[in-house]
Amino acid sequence: MKIPVILLTTTFSYQNLLRIILKEQRSLILAILTTQLATITASFASVSKSIDI
């Protein structure tokens, strides 16, 4: 039962972080989200390649 707790804590902290960033700078949060999306896409692409092989 440790993993769900860690997940919840991480999600909660992440949401608070996003709120703080939103208050500070919208362009910054946009840049972070775009970077994350690119990273996720790249990870998904590499996973897909691994599965195809």
N, C-alpha and C. Protein backbone atom coordinates (compact mmCIF):
# COMPACT_ATOMS: atom_id res chain seq x y z
N MET A 1 0.83 -1.22 0.00
CA MET A 1 0.00 0.00 0.00
C MET A 1 0.86 1.27 0.00
N LYS A 2 2.16 1.11 -0.13
CA LYS A 2 3.05 2.28 -0.11
C LYS A 2 3.02 3.04 -1.43
N ILE A 3 2.92 2.32 -2.54
CA ILE A 3 2.97 2.96 -3.86
C ILE A 3 1.81 3.95 -4.06
N PRO A 4 0.54 3.55 -3.78
CA PRO A 4 -0.55 4.52 -3.95
C PRO A 4 -0.37 5.78 -3.11
N VAL A 5 0.14 5.62 -1.90
CA VAL A 5 0.36 6.77 -1.02
C VAL A 5 1.40 7.71 -1.65
N ILE A 6 2.48 7.12 -2.16
CA ILE A 6 3.53 7.93 -2.81
C ILE A 6 2.94 8.63 -4.03
N LEU A 7 2.14 7.90 -4.80
CA LEU A 7 1.51 8.48 -5.99
C LEU A 7 0.63 9.66 -5.61
N LEU A 8 -0.19 9.47 -4.58
CA LEU A 8 -1.09 10.54 -4.13
C LEU A 8 -0.29 11.75 -3.66
N THR A 9 0.74 11.49 -2.89
CA THR A 9 1.58 12.58 -2.37
C THR A 9 2.23 13.34 -3.52
N THR A 10 2.76 12.59 -4.48
CA THR A 10 3.42 13.21 -5.63
C THR A 10 2.43 14.05 -6.42
N THR A 11 1.24 13.49 -6.65
CA THR A 11 0.21 14.20 -7.41
C THR A 11 -0.19 15.48 -6.69
N PHE A 12 -0.37 15.39 -5.38
CA PHE A 12 -0.77 16.55 -4.58
C PHE A 12 0.31 17.63 -4.64
N SER A 13 1.56 17.24 -4.46
CA SER A 13 2.67 18.19 -4.51
C SER A 13 2.77 18.82 -5.89
N TYR A 14 2.57 17.99 -6.91
CA TYR A 14 2.66 18.47 -8.29
C TYR A 14 1.57 19.50 -8.58
N GLN A 15 0.36 19.23 -8.11
CA GLN A 15 -0.74 20.16 -8.32
C GLN A 15 -0.47 21.49 -7.62
N ASN A 16 0.06 21.42 -6.40
CA ASN A 16 0.41 22.65 -5.68
C ASN A 16 1.48 23.43 -6.44
N LEU A 17 2.46 22.70 -6.96
CA LEU A 17 3.53 23.32 -7.73
C LEU A 17 2.96 24.02 -8.96
N LEU A 18 2.04 23.33 -9.64
CA LEU A 18 1.41 23.92 -10.83
C LEU A 18 0.66 25.19 -10.48
N ARG A 19 -0.04 25.18 -9.35
CA ARG A 19 -0.80 26.36 -8.93
C ARG A 19 0.13 27.54 -8.68
N ILE A 20 1.25 27.27 -8.01
CA ILE A 20 2.22 28.32 -7.71
C ILE A 20 2.78 28.89 -9.01
N ILE A 21 3.14 27.99 -9.93
CA ILE A 21 3.70 28.43 -11.21
C ILE A 21 2.67 29.23 -11.99
N LEU A 22 1.41 28.77 -11.95
CA LEU A 22 0.34 29.48 -12.65
C LEU A 22 0.23 30.91 -12.16
N LYS A 23 0.33 31.07 -10.85
CA LYS A 23 0.25 32.41 -10.27
C LYS A 23 1.45 33.25 -10.71
N GLU A 24 2.62 32.62 -10.78
CA GLU A 24 3.84 33.34 -11.13
C GLU A 24 3.89 33.69 -12.61
N GLN A 25 3.84 32.67 -13.45
CA GLN A 25 4.00 32.89 -14.89
C GLN A 25 3.28 31.83 -15.69
N ARG A 26 2.41 32.28 -16.57
CA ARG A 26 1.68 31.33 -17.41
C ARG A 26 2.57 30.78 -18.51
N SER A 27 3.49 31.58 -18.99
CA SER A 27 4.38 31.13 -20.06
C SER A 27 5.30 30.02 -19.55
N LEU A 28 5.67 30.12 -18.27
CA LEU A 28 6.56 29.13 -17.67
C LEU A 28 5.86 27.78 -17.58
N ILE A 29 4.62 27.77 -17.10
CA ILE A 29 3.87 26.51 -16.98
C ILE A 29 3.62 25.92 -18.36
N LEU A 30 3.40 26.77 -19.34
CA LEU A 30 3.19 26.30 -20.71
C LEU A 30 4.45 25.61 -21.22
N ALA A 31 5.59 26.22 -20.93
CA ALA A 31 6.87 25.64 -21.36
C ALA A 31 7.11 24.29 -20.69
N ILE A 32 6.80 24.21 -19.40
CA ILE A 32 6.99 22.96 -18.65
C ILE A 32 6.09 21.86 -19.20
N LEU A 33 4.82 22.19 -19.44
CA LEU A 33 3.87 21.21 -19.96
C LEU A 33 4.27 20.75 -21.35
N THR A 34 4.74 21.68 -22.18
CA THR A 34 5.18 21.33 -23.53
C THR A 34 6.37 20.39 -23.47
N THR A 35 7.32 20.70 -22.58
CA THR A 35 8.51 19.86 -22.42
C THR A 35 8.11 18.47 -21.94
N GLN A 36 7.18 18.42 -20.99
CA GLN A 36 6.72 17.13 -20.47
C GLN A 36 6.04 16.33 -21.55
N LEU A 37 5.21 16.98 -22.35
CA LEU A 37 4.50 16.31 -23.44
C LEU A 37 5.50 15.73 -24.42
N ALA A 38 6.53 16.49 -24.74
CA ALA A 38 7.58 16.03 -25.65
C ALA A 38 8.30 14.82 -25.07
N THR A 39 8.59 14.86 -23.77
CA THR A 39 9.28 13.75 -23.11
C THR A 39 8.42 12.50 -23.12
N ILE A 40 7.12 12.67 -22.81
CA ILE A 40 6.18 11.55 -22.79
C ILE A 40 6.08 10.95 -24.19
N THR A 41 5.98 11.81 -25.20
CA THR A 41 5.88 11.35 -26.59
C THR A 41 7.12 10.56 -26.98
N ALA A 42 8.29 11.07 -26.60
CA ALA A 42 9.55 10.40 -26.91
C ALA A 42 9.62 9.05 -26.21
N SER A 43 9.20 9.00 -24.95
CA SER A 43 9.21 7.76 -24.19
C SER A 43 8.27 6.75 -24.84
N PHE A 44 7.08 7.21 -25.23
CA PHE A 44 6.09 6.35 -25.86
C PHE A 44 6.63 5.80 -27.18
N ALA A 45 7.32 6.65 -27.93
CA ALA A 45 7.89 6.24 -29.21
C ALA A 45 8.93 5.14 -29.00
N SER A 46 9.80 5.29 -28.00
CA SER A 46 10.84 4.30 -27.75
C SER A 46 10.22 2.99 -27.25
N VAL A 47 9.16 3.10 -26.45
CA VAL A 47 8.47 1.90 -25.97
C VAL A 47 7.82 1.17 -27.14
N SER A 48 7.20 1.93 -28.04
CA SER A 48 6.56 1.34 -29.21
C SER A 48 7.58 0.60 -30.07
N LYS A 49 8.76 1.20 -30.24
CA LYS A 49 9.82 0.56 -31.03
C LYS A 49 10.25 -0.74 -30.37
N SER A 50 10.37 -0.71 -29.05
CA SER A 50 10.79 -1.91 -28.32
C SER A 50 9.77 -3.03 -28.50
N ILE A 51 8.49 -2.67 -28.48
CA ILE A 51 7.43 -3.66 -28.62
C ILE A 51 7.41 -4.23 -30.04
N ASP A 52 7.60 -3.36 -31.04
CA ASP A 52 7.59 -3.80 -32.43
C ASP A 52 8.71 -4.80 -32.71
N ILE A 53 9.86 -4.59 -32.10
CA ILE A 53 11.01 -5.48 -32.31
C ILE A 53 10.75 -6.76 -31.51
